[in-house]
Amino acid sequence: TRNFNSRFGEIDIIAKEKDETIVFVEVKTRTSLEYGNPAEAVDDTKIERIIKTAKYFLYSKGIQHNNIRFDVIEVFIYKGRYKLNHIKQII
């Protein structure tokens, strides 16, 4: 699922791995490091919103699942080039 919205917030990507782990992914993009790395924008308030939205997603879909993970994908854009950094288990 992409761009799942609820009254609690939005989750950019919700995916399932081969081992059935459900992964909730926040994607953060930066064109410079002037304000820090992209993952630094995922503060405590954002994490709370992600958790509430993830709980709502699981509830709304009738999913009872113990294997979940919260990740961040950092996207760096510089001079037309992209660099990705996948940070697993931010919470």
PDB file of N, CA and C in Angstrom:
ATOM      1  N   THR A   1       0.851  -1.180   0.000  1.00  0.00           N
ATOM      2  CA  THR A   1       0.000   0.000   0.000  1.00  0.00           C
ATOM      3  C   THR A   1       0.888   1.232   0.000  1.00  0.00           C
ATOM      4  N   ARG A   2       0.499   2.249  -0.728  1.00  0.00           N
ATOM      5  CA  ARG A   2       1.231   3.517  -0.737  1.00  0.00           C
ATOM      6  C   ARG A   2       0.315   4.629  -0.262  1.00  0.00           C
ATOM      7  N   ASN A   3       0.910   5.563   0.484  1.00  0.00           N
ATOM      8  CA  ASN A   3       0.214   6.767   0.948  1.00  0.00           C
ATOM      9  C   ASN A   3      -1.094   6.449   1.672  1.00  0.00           C
ATOM     10  N   PHE A   4      -1.012   5.581   2.674  1.00  0.00           N
ATOM     11  CA  PHE A   4      -2.180   5.251   3.486  1.00  0.00           C
ATOM     12  C   PHE A   4      -2.466   6.410   4.433  1.00  0.00           C
ATOM     13  N   ASN A   5      -3.681   6.939   4.361  1.00  0.00           N
ATOM     14  CA  ASN A   5      -4.094   8.076   5.185  1.00  0.00           C
ATOM     15  C   ASN A   5      -5.138   7.675   6.200  1.00  0.00           C
ATOM     16  N   SER A   6      -5.037   8.287   7.365  1.00  0.00           N
ATOM     17  CA  SER A   6      -6.074   8.167   8.384  1.00  0.00           C
ATOM     18  C   SER A   6      -6.142   9.507   9.101  1.00  0.00           C
ATOM     19  N   ARG A   7      -7.040   9.618  10.051  1.00  0.00           N
ATOM     20  CA  ARG A   7      -7.118  10.867  10.803  1.00  0.00           C
ATOM     21  C   ARG A   7      -5.889  11.065  11.681  1.00  0.00           C
ATOM     22  N   PHE A   8      -5.088  10.018  11.861  1.00  0.00           N
ATOM     23  CA  PHE A   8      -3.880  10.100  12.685  1.00  0.00           C
ATOM     24  C   PHE A   8      -2.666  10.570  11.896  1.00  0.00           C
ATOM     25  N   GLY A   9      -2.680  10.346  10.589  1.00  0.00           N
ATOM     26  CA  GLY A   9      -1.542  10.725   9.757  1.00  0.00           C
ATOM     27  C   GLY A   9      -1.463   9.881   8.501  1.00  0.00           C
ATOM     28  N   GLU A  10      -0.272   9.858   7.920  1.00  0.00           N
ATOM     29  CA  GLU A  10      -0.049   9.132   6.668  1.00  0.00           C
ATOM     30  C   GLU A  10       1.185   8.258   6.805  1.00  0.00           C
ATOM     31  N   ILE A  11       1.127   7.100   6.169  1.00  0.00           N
ATOM     32  CA  ILE A  11       2.303   6.239   6.045  1.00  0.00           C
ATOM     33  C   ILE A  11       2.588   6.106   4.561  1.00  0.00           C
ATOM     34  N   ASP A  12       3.835   6.375   4.186  1.00  0.00           N
ATOM     35  CA  ASP A  12       4.197   6.402   2.770  1.00  0.00           C
ATOM     36  C   ASP A  12       4.110   5.034   2.102  1.00  0.00           C
ATOM     37  N   ILE A  13       4.663   4.008   2.754  1.00  0.00           N
ATOM     38  CA  ILE A  13       4.673   2.667   2.164  1.00  0.00           C
ATOM     39  C   ILE A  13       4.370   1.646   3.255  1.00  0.00           C
ATOM     40  N   ILE A  14       3.495   0.694   2.933  1.00  0.00           N
ATOM     41  CA  ILE A  14       3.249  -0.447   3.809  1.00  0.00           C
ATOM     42  C   ILE A  14       3.502  -1.685   2.958  1.00  0.00           C
ATOM     43  N   ALA A  15       4.460  -2.501   3.392  1.00  0.00           N
ATOM     44  CA  ALA A  15       4.869  -3.656   2.589  1.00  0.00           C
ATOM     45  C   ALA A  15       4.932  -4.906   3.459  1.00  0.00           C
ATOM     46  N   LYS A  16       4.939  -6.056   2.795  1.00  0.00           N
ATOM     47  CA  LYS A  16       5.088  -7.322   3.511  1.00  0.00           C
ATOM     48  C   LYS A  16       6.320  -8.035   2.964  1.00  0.00           C
ATOM     49  N   GLU A  17       7.200  -8.447   3.871  1.00  0.00           N
ATOM     50  CA  GLU A  17       8.390  -9.190   3.463  1.00  0.00           C
ATOM     51  C   GLU A  17       8.055 -10.666   3.288  1.00  0.00           C
ATOM     52  N   LYS A  18       8.992 -11.393   2.720  1.00  0.00           N
ATOM     53  CA  LYS A  18       8.780 -12.823   2.481  1.00  0.00           C
ATOM     54  C   LYS A  18       8.486 -13.590   3.761  1.00  0.00           C
ATOM     55  N   ASP A  19       9.075 -13.137   4.873  1.00  0.00           N
ATOM     56  CA  ASP A  19       8.837 -13.823   6.145  1.00  0.00           C
ATOM     57  C   ASP A  19       7.548 -13.360   6.814  1.00  0.00           C
ATOM     58  N   GLU A  20       6.720 -12.609   6.067  1.00  0.00           N
ATOM     59  CA  GLU A  20       5.419 -12.121   6.522  1.00  0.00           C
ATOM     60  C   GLU A  20       5.495 -10.922   7.468  1.00  0.00           C
ATOM     61  N   THR A  21       6.677 -10.360   7.684  1.00  0.00           N
ATOM     62  CA  THR A  21       6.789  -9.143   8.486  1.00  0.00           C
ATOM     63  C   THR A  21       6.140  -7.999   7.731  1.00  0.00           C
ATOM     64  N   ILE A  22       5.285  -7.231   8.428  1.00  0.00           N
ATOM     65  CA  ILE A  22       4.669  -6.053   7.835  1.00  0.00           C
ATOM     66  C   ILE A  22       5.568  -4.869   8.168  1.00  0.00           C
ATOM     67  N   VAL A  23       5.962  -4.126   7.126  1.00  0.00           N
ATOM     68  CA  VAL A  23       6.902  -3.023   7.284  1.00  0.00           C
ATOM     69  C   VAL A  23       6.202  -1.711   6.934  1.00  0.00           C
ATOM     70  N   PHE A  24       6.234  -0.775   7.886  1.00  0.00           N
ATOM     71  CA  PHE A  24       5.694   0.564   7.696  1.00  0.00           C
ATOM     72  C   PHE A  24       6.878   1.479   7.429  1.00  0.00           C
ATOM     73  N   VAL A  25       6.855   2.158   6.282  1.00  0.00           N
ATOM     74  CA  VAL A  25       8.021   2.919   5.829  1.00  0.00           C
ATOM     75  C   VAL A  25       7.684   4.400   5.688  1.00  0.00           C
ATOM     76  N   GLU A  26       8.515   5.226   6.283  1.00  0.00           N
ATOM     77  CA  GLU A  26       8.452   6.677   6.107  1.00  0.00           C
ATOM     78  C   GLU A  26       9.559   7.056   5.125  1.00  0.00           C
ATOM     79  N   VAL A  27       9.221   7.773   4.072  1.00  0.00           N
ATOM     80  CA  VAL A  27      10.205   8.210   3.081  1.00  0.00           C
ATOM     81  C   VAL A  27      10.463   9.698   3.288  1.00  0.00           C
ATOM     82  N   LYS A  28      11.731  10.037   3.441  1.00  0.00           N
ATOM     83  CA  LYS A  28      12.123  11.440   3.630  1.00  0.00           C
ATOM     84  C   LYS A  28      13.156  11.797   2.567  1.00  0.00           C
ATOM     85  N   THR A  29      12.927  12.933   1.905  1.00  0.00           N
ATOM     86  CA  THR A  29      13.792  13.367   0.809  1.00  0.00           C
ATOM     87  C   THR A  29      14.447  14.694   1.152  1.00  0.00           C
ATOM     88  N   ARG A  30      15.701  14.828   0.773  1.00  0.00           N
ATOM     89  CA  ARG A  30      16.442  16.083   0.955  1.00  0.00           C
ATOM     90  C   ARG A  30      17.284  16.357  -0.288  1.00  0.00           C
ATOM     91  N   THR A  31      17.413  17.643  -0.584  1.00  0.00           N
ATOM     92  CA  THR A  31      18.303  18.063  -1.674  1.00  0.00           C
ATOM     93  C   THR A  31      19.574  18.679  -1.126  1.00  0.00           C
ATOM     94  N   SER A  32      19.622  18.902   0.190  1.00  0.00           N
ATOM     95  CA  SER A  32      20.843  19.356   0.853  1.00  0.00           C
ATOM     96  C   SER A  32      20.785  18.888   2.298  1.00  0.00           C
ATOM     97  N   LEU A  33      21.916  18.945   2.961  1.00  0.00           N
ATOM     98  CA  LEU A  33      21.974  18.545   4.362  1.00  0.00           C
ATOM     99  C   LEU A  33      21.919  19.755   5.286  1.00  0.00           C
ATOM    100  N   GLU A  34      21.491  20.886   4.747  1.00  0.00           N
ATOM    101  CA  GLU A  34      21.421  22.127   5.516  1.00  0.00           C
ATOM    102  C   GLU A  34      20.605  21.960   6.801  1.00  0.00           C
ATOM    103  N   TYR A  35      19.550  21.180   6.737  1.00  0.00           N
ATOM    104  CA  TYR A  35      18.692  20.956   7.896  1.00  0.00           C
ATOM    105  C   TYR A  35      18.876  19.560   8.480  1.00  0.00           C
ATOM    106  N   GLY A  36      19.974  18.906   8.154  1.00  0.00           N
ATOM    107  CA  GLY A  36      20.263  17.578   8.683  1.00  0.00           C
ATOM    108  C   GLY A  36      19.886  16.472   7.722  1.00  0.00           C
ATOM    109  N   ASN A  37      20.182  15.255   8.136  1.00  0.00           N
ATOM    110  CA  ASN A  37      19.835  14.086   7.342  1.00  0.00           C
ATOM    111  C   ASN A  37      18.320  13.910   7.313  1.00  0.00           C
ATOM    112  N   PRO A  38      17.798  13.308   6.274  1.00  0.00           N
ATOM    113  CA  PRO A  38      16.349  13.142   6.175  1.00  0.00           C
ATOM    114  C   PRO A  38      15.734  12.420   7.372  1.00  0.00           C
ATOM    115  N   ALA A  39      16.394  11.389   7.868  1.00  0.00           N
ATOM    116  CA  ALA A  39      15.837  10.613   8.984  1.00  0.00           C
ATOM    117  C   ALA A  39      15.682  11.450  10.249  1.00  0.00           C
ATOM    118  N   GLU A  40      16.464  12.508  10.369  1.00  0.00           N
ATOM    119  CA  GLU A  40      16.365  13.367  11.548  1.00  0.00           C
ATOM    120  C   GLU A  40      15.015  14.084  11.622  1.00  0.00           C
ATOM    121  N   ALA A  41      14.309  14.160  10.503  1.00  0.00           N
ATOM    122  CA  ALA A  41      12.986  14.783  10.474  1.00  0.00           C
ATOM    123  C   ALA A  41      11.920  13.872  11.077  1.00  0.00           C
ATOM    124  N   VAL A  42      12.272  12.624  11.315  1.00  0.00           N
ATOM    125  CA  VAL A  42      11.332  11.685  11.935  1.00  0.00           C
ATOM    126  C   VAL A  42      11.535  11.787  13.446  1.00  0.00           C
ATOM    127  N   ASP A  43      10.888  12.791  14.013  1.00  0.00           N
ATOM    128  CA  ASP A  43      11.028  13.059  15.448  1.00  0.00           C
ATOM    129  C   ASP A  43       9.987  12.274  16.243  1.00  0.00           C
ATOM    130  N   ASP A  44       9.972  12.491  17.550  1.00  0.00           N
ATOM    131  CA  ASP A  44       9.055  11.747  18.421  1.00  0.00           C
ATOM    132  C   ASP A  44       7.595  11.948  18.042  1.00  0.00           C
ATOM    133  N   THR A  45       7.239  13.172  17.663  1.00  0.00           N
ATOM    134  CA  THR A  45       5.856  13.450  17.264  1.00  0.00           C
ATOM    135  C   THR A  45       5.489  12.667  16.012  1.00  0.00           C
ATOM    136  N   LYS A  46       6.386  12.639  15.032  1.00  0.00           N
ATOM    137  CA  LYS A  46       6.140  11.899  13.790  1.00  0.00           C
ATOM    138  C   LYS A  46       6.052  10.403  14.078  1.00  0.00           C
ATOM    139  N   ILE A  47       6.911   9.909  14.951  1.00  0.00           N
ATOM    140  CA  ILE A  47       6.891   8.486  15.298  1.00  0.00           C
ATOM    141  C   ILE A  47       5.559   8.119  15.944  1.00  0.00           C
ATOM    142  N   GLU A  48       5.055   8.964  16.833  1.00  0.00           N
ATOM    143  CA  GLU A  48       3.751   8.710  17.461  1.00  0.00           C
ATOM    144  C   GLU A  48       2.649   8.631  16.416  1.00  0.00           C
ATOM    145  N   ARG A  49       2.676   9.545  15.437  1.00  0.00           N
ATOM    146  CA  ARG A  49       1.666   9.527  14.367  1.00  0.00           C
ATOM    147  C   ARG A  49       1.770   8.262  13.522  1.00  0.00           C
ATOM    148  N   ILE A  50       2.998   7.861  13.232  1.00  0.00           N
ATOM    149  CA  ILE A  50       3.204   6.643  12.429  1.00  0.00           C
ATOM    150  C   ILE A  50       2.657   5.428  13.174  1.00  0.00           C
ATOM    151  N   ILE A  51       2.951   5.333  14.464  1.00  0.00           N
ATOM    152  CA  ILE A  51       2.469   4.197  15.259  1.00  0.00           C
ATOM    153  C   ILE A  51       0.938   4.173  15.296  1.00  0.00           C
ATOM    154  N   LYS A  52       0.312   5.322  15.553  1.00  0.00           N
ATOM    155  CA  LYS A  52      -1.154   5.375  15.593  1.00  0.00           C
ATOM    156  C   LYS A  52      -1.753   5.012  14.235  1.00  0.00           C
ATOM    157  N   THR A  53      -1.146   5.502  13.170  1.00  0.00           N
ATOM    158  CA  THR A  53      -1.648   5.199  11.827  1.00  0.00           C
ATOM    159  C   THR A  53      -1.462   3.721  11.508  1.00  0.00           C
ATOM    160  N   ALA A  54      -0.339   3.152  11.914  1.00  0.00           N
ATOM    161  CA  ALA A  54      -0.086   1.724  11.691  1.00  0.00           C
ATOM    162  C   ALA A  54      -1.111   0.882  12.450  1.00  0.00           C
ATOM    163  N   LYS A  55      -1.388   1.246  13.697  1.00  0.00           N
ATOM    164  CA  LYS A  55      -2.392   0.516  14.475  1.00  0.00           C
ATOM    165  C   LYS A  55      -3.760   0.595  13.798  1.00  0.00           C
ATOM    166  N   TYR A  56      -4.091   1.786  13.305  1.00  0.00           N
ATOM    167  CA  TYR A  56      -5.377   1.949  12.619  1.00  0.00           C
ATOM    168  C   TYR A  56      -5.416   1.115  11.344  1.00  0.00           C
ATOM    169  N   PHE A  57      -4.327   1.104  10.586  1.00  0.00           N
ATOM    170  CA  PHE A  57      -4.260   0.300   9.362  1.00  0.00           C
ATOM    171  C   PHE A  57      -4.533  -1.167   9.688  1.00  0.00           C
ATOM    172  N   LEU A  58      -3.825  -1.704  10.681  1.00  0.00           N
ATOM    173  CA  LEU A  58      -3.999  -3.108  11.048  1.00  0.00           C
ATOM    174  C   LEU A  58      -5.435  -3.380  11.488  1.00  0.00           C
ATOM    175  N   TYR A  59      -5.985  -2.482  12.299  1.00  0.00           N
ATOM    176  CA  TYR A  59      -7.368  -2.627  12.771  1.00  0.00           C
ATOM    177  C   TYR A  59      -8.363  -2.578  11.603  1.00  0.00           C
ATOM    178  N   SER A  60      -8.197  -1.586  10.726  1.00  0.00           N
ATOM    179  CA  SER A  60      -9.146  -1.397   9.628  1.00  0.00           C
ATOM    180  C   SER A  60      -9.125  -2.537   8.623  1.00  0.00           C
ATOM    181  N   LYS A  61      -7.998  -3.218   8.521  1.00  0.00           N
ATOM    182  CA  LYS A  61      -7.875  -4.348   7.590  1.00  0.00           C
ATOM    183  C   LYS A  61      -8.134  -5.686   8.271  1.00  0.00           C
ATOM    184  N   GLY A  62      -8.392  -5.649   9.591  1.00  0.00           N
ATOM    185  CA  GLY A  62      -8.634  -6.892  10.323  1.00  0.00           C
ATOM    186  C   GLY A  62      -7.402  -7.757  10.452  1.00  0.00           C
ATOM    187  N   ILE A  63      -6.237  -7.121  10.482  1.00  0.00           N
ATOM    188  CA  ILE A  63      -4.982  -7.849  10.547  1.00  0.00           C
ATOM    189  C   ILE A  63      -4.516  -7.927  12.000  1.00  0.00           C
ATOM    190  N   GLN A  64      -4.289  -9.138  12.458  1.00  0.00           N
ATOM    191  CA  GLN A  64      -3.687  -9.347  13.777  1.00  0.00           C
ATOM    192  C   GLN A  64      -2.310  -9.932  13.530  1.00  0.00           C
ATOM    193  N   HIS A  65      -1.304  -9.109  13.740  1.00  0.00           N
ATOM    194  CA  HIS A  65       0.036  -9.500  13.330  1.00  0.00           C
ATOM    195  C   HIS A  65       1.045  -9.051  14.366  1.00  0.00           C
ATOM    196  N   ASN A  66       1.945  -9.944  14.715  1.00  0.00           N
ATOM    197  CA  ASN A  66       2.974  -9.612  15.700  1.00  0.00           C
ATOM    198  C   ASN A  66       4.284  -9.153  15.071  1.00  0.00           C
ATOM    199  N   ASN A  67       4.545  -9.566  13.850  1.00  0.00           N
ATOM    200  CA  ASN A  67       5.806  -9.215  13.192  1.00  0.00           C
ATOM    201  C   ASN A  67       5.642  -7.942  12.378  1.00  0.00           C
ATOM    202  N   ILE A  68       5.931  -6.801  13.025  1.00  0.00           N
ATOM    203  CA  ILE A  68       5.892  -5.529  12.316  1.00  0.00           C
ATOM    204  C   ILE A  68       7.198  -4.795  12.547  1.00  0.00           C
ATOM    205  N   ARG A  69       7.497  -3.889  11.625  1.00  0.00           N
ATOM    206  CA  ARG A  69       8.745  -3.117  11.703  1.00  0.00           C
ATOM    207  C   ARG A  69       8.482  -1.737  11.149  1.00  0.00           C
ATOM    208  N   PHE A  70       9.208  -0.761  11.660  1.00  0.00           N
ATOM    209  CA  PHE A  70       9.099   0.615  11.200  1.00  0.00           C
ATOM    210  C   PHE A  70      10.453   1.044  10.637  1.00  0.00           C
ATOM    211  N   ASP A  71      10.474   1.437   9.367  1.00  0.00           N
ATOM    212  CA  ASP A  71      11.700   1.811   8.671  1.00  0.00           C
ATOM    213  C   ASP A  71      11.608   3.239   8.147  1.00  0.00           C
ATOM    214  N   VAL A  72      12.771   3.779   7.821  1.00  0.00           N
ATOM    215  CA  VAL A  72      12.863   5.063   7.120  1.00  0.00           C
ATOM    216  C   VAL A  72      13.712   4.846   5.876  1.00  0.00           C
ATOM    217  N   ILE A  73      13.256   5.395   4.763  1.00  0.00           N
ATOM    218  CA  ILE A  73      14.090   5.436   3.560  1.00  0.00           C
ATOM    219  C   ILE A  73      14.450   6.889   3.321  1.00  0.00           C
ATOM    220  N   GLU A  74      15.746   7.156   3.364  1.00  0.00           N
ATOM    221  CA  GLU A  74      16.249   8.495   3.073  1.00  0.00           C
ATOM    222  C   GLU A  74      16.553   8.585   1.590  1.00  0.00           C
ATOM    223  N   VAL A  75      16.089   9.661   0.968  1.00  0.00           N
ATOM    224  CA  VAL A  75      16.379   9.909  -0.437  1.00  0.00           C
ATOM    225  C   VAL A  75      17.166  11.213  -0.508  1.00  0.00           C
ATOM    226  N   PHE A  76      18.385  11.117  -1.026  1.00  0.00           N
ATOM    227  CA  PHE A  76      19.222  12.292  -1.237  1.00  0.00           C
ATOM    228  C   PHE A  76      19.222  12.598  -2.724  1.00  0.00           C
ATOM    229  N   ILE A  77      18.896  13.830  -3.088  1.00  0.00           N
ATOM    230  CA  ILE A  77      18.923  14.244  -4.490  1.00  0.00           C
ATOM    231  C   ILE A  77      19.965  15.355  -4.616  1.00  0.00           C
ATOM    232  N   TYR A  78      20.949  15.132  -5.489  1.00  0.00           N
ATOM    233  CA  TYR A  78      21.994  16.132  -5.690  1.00  0.00           C
ATOM    234  C   TYR A  78      22.421  16.111  -7.150  1.00  0.00           C
ATOM    235  N   LYS A  79      22.253  17.246  -7.808  1.00  0.00           N
ATOM    236  CA  LYS A  79      22.638  17.390  -9.224  1.00  0.00           C
ATOM    237  C   LYS A  79      22.025  16.285 -10.093  1.00  0.00           C
ATOM    238  N   GLY A  80      20.754  16.019  -9.870  1.00  0.00           N
ATOM    239  CA  GLY A  80      20.053  15.037 -10.696  1.00  0.00           C
ATOM    240  C   GLY A  80      20.341  13.589 -10.357  1.00  0.00           C
ATOM    241  N   ARG A  81      21.132  13.347  -9.342  1.00  0.00           N
ATOM    242  CA  ARG A  81      21.441  11.977  -8.932  1.00  0.00           C
ATOM    243  C   ARG A  81      20.727  11.666  -7.626  1.00  0.00           C
ATOM    244  N   TYR A  82      20.376  10.406  -7.490  1.00  0.00           N
ATOM    245  CA  TYR A  82      19.649   9.960  -6.311  1.00  0.00           C
ATOM    246  C   TYR A  82      20.491   8.960  -5.526  1.00  0.00           C
ATOM    247  N   LYS A  83      20.432   9.078  -4.212  1.00  0.00           N
ATOM    248  CA  LYS A  83      21.065   8.091  -3.346  1.00  0.00           C
ATOM    249  C   LYS A  83      20.034   7.707  -2.286  1.00  0.00           C
ATOM    250  N   LEU A  84      19.852   6.404  -2.094  1.00  0.00           N
ATOM    251  CA  LEU A  84      18.895   5.903  -1.120  1.00  0.00           C
ATOM    252  C   LEU A  84      19.629   5.287   0.064  1.00  0.00           C
ATOM    253  N   ASN A  85      19.063   5.476   1.244  1.00  0.00           N
ATOM    254  CA  ASN A  85      19.582   4.846   2.449  1.00  0.00           C
ATOM    255  C   ASN A  85      18.402   4.265   3.202  1.00  0.00           C
ATOM    256  N   HIS A  86      18.366   2.947   3.329  1.00  0.00           N
ATOM    257  CA  HIS A  86      17.265   2.246   4.008  1.00  0.00           C
ATOM    258  C   HIS A  86      17.685   1.971   5.443  1.00  0.00           C
ATOM    259  N   ILE A  87      16.964   2.602   6.378  1.00  0.00           N
ATOM    260  CA  ILE A  87      17.238   2.419   7.800  1.00  0.00           C
ATOM    261  C   ILE A  87      16.135   1.536   8.369  1.00  0.00           C
ATOM    262  N   LYS A  88      16.516   0.346   8.808  1.00  0.00           N
ATOM    263  CA  LYS A  88      15.531  -0.603   9.325  1.00  0.00           C
ATOM    264  C   LYS A  88      15.331  -0.416  10.827  1.00  0.00           C
ATOM    265  N   GLN A  89      14.107  -0.673  11.263  1.00  0.00           N
ATOM    266  CA  GLN A  89      13.729  -0.683  12.672  1.00  0.00           C
ATOM    267  C   GLN A  89      14.112   0.600  13.400  1.00  0.00           C
ATOM    268  N   ILE A  90      13.428   1.694  13.057  1.00  0.00           N
ATOM    269  CA  ILE A  90      13.716   2.982  13.694  1.00  0.00           C
ATOM    270  C   ILE A  90      13.094   3.093  15.075  1.00  0.00           C
ATOM    271  N   ILE A  91      12.140   2.232  15.360  1.00  0.00           N
ATOM    272  CA  ILE A  91      11.468   2.287  16.666  1.00  0.00           C
ATOM    273  C   ILE A  91      11.831   1.050  17.454  1.00  0.00           C
TER     274      ILE A  91
END
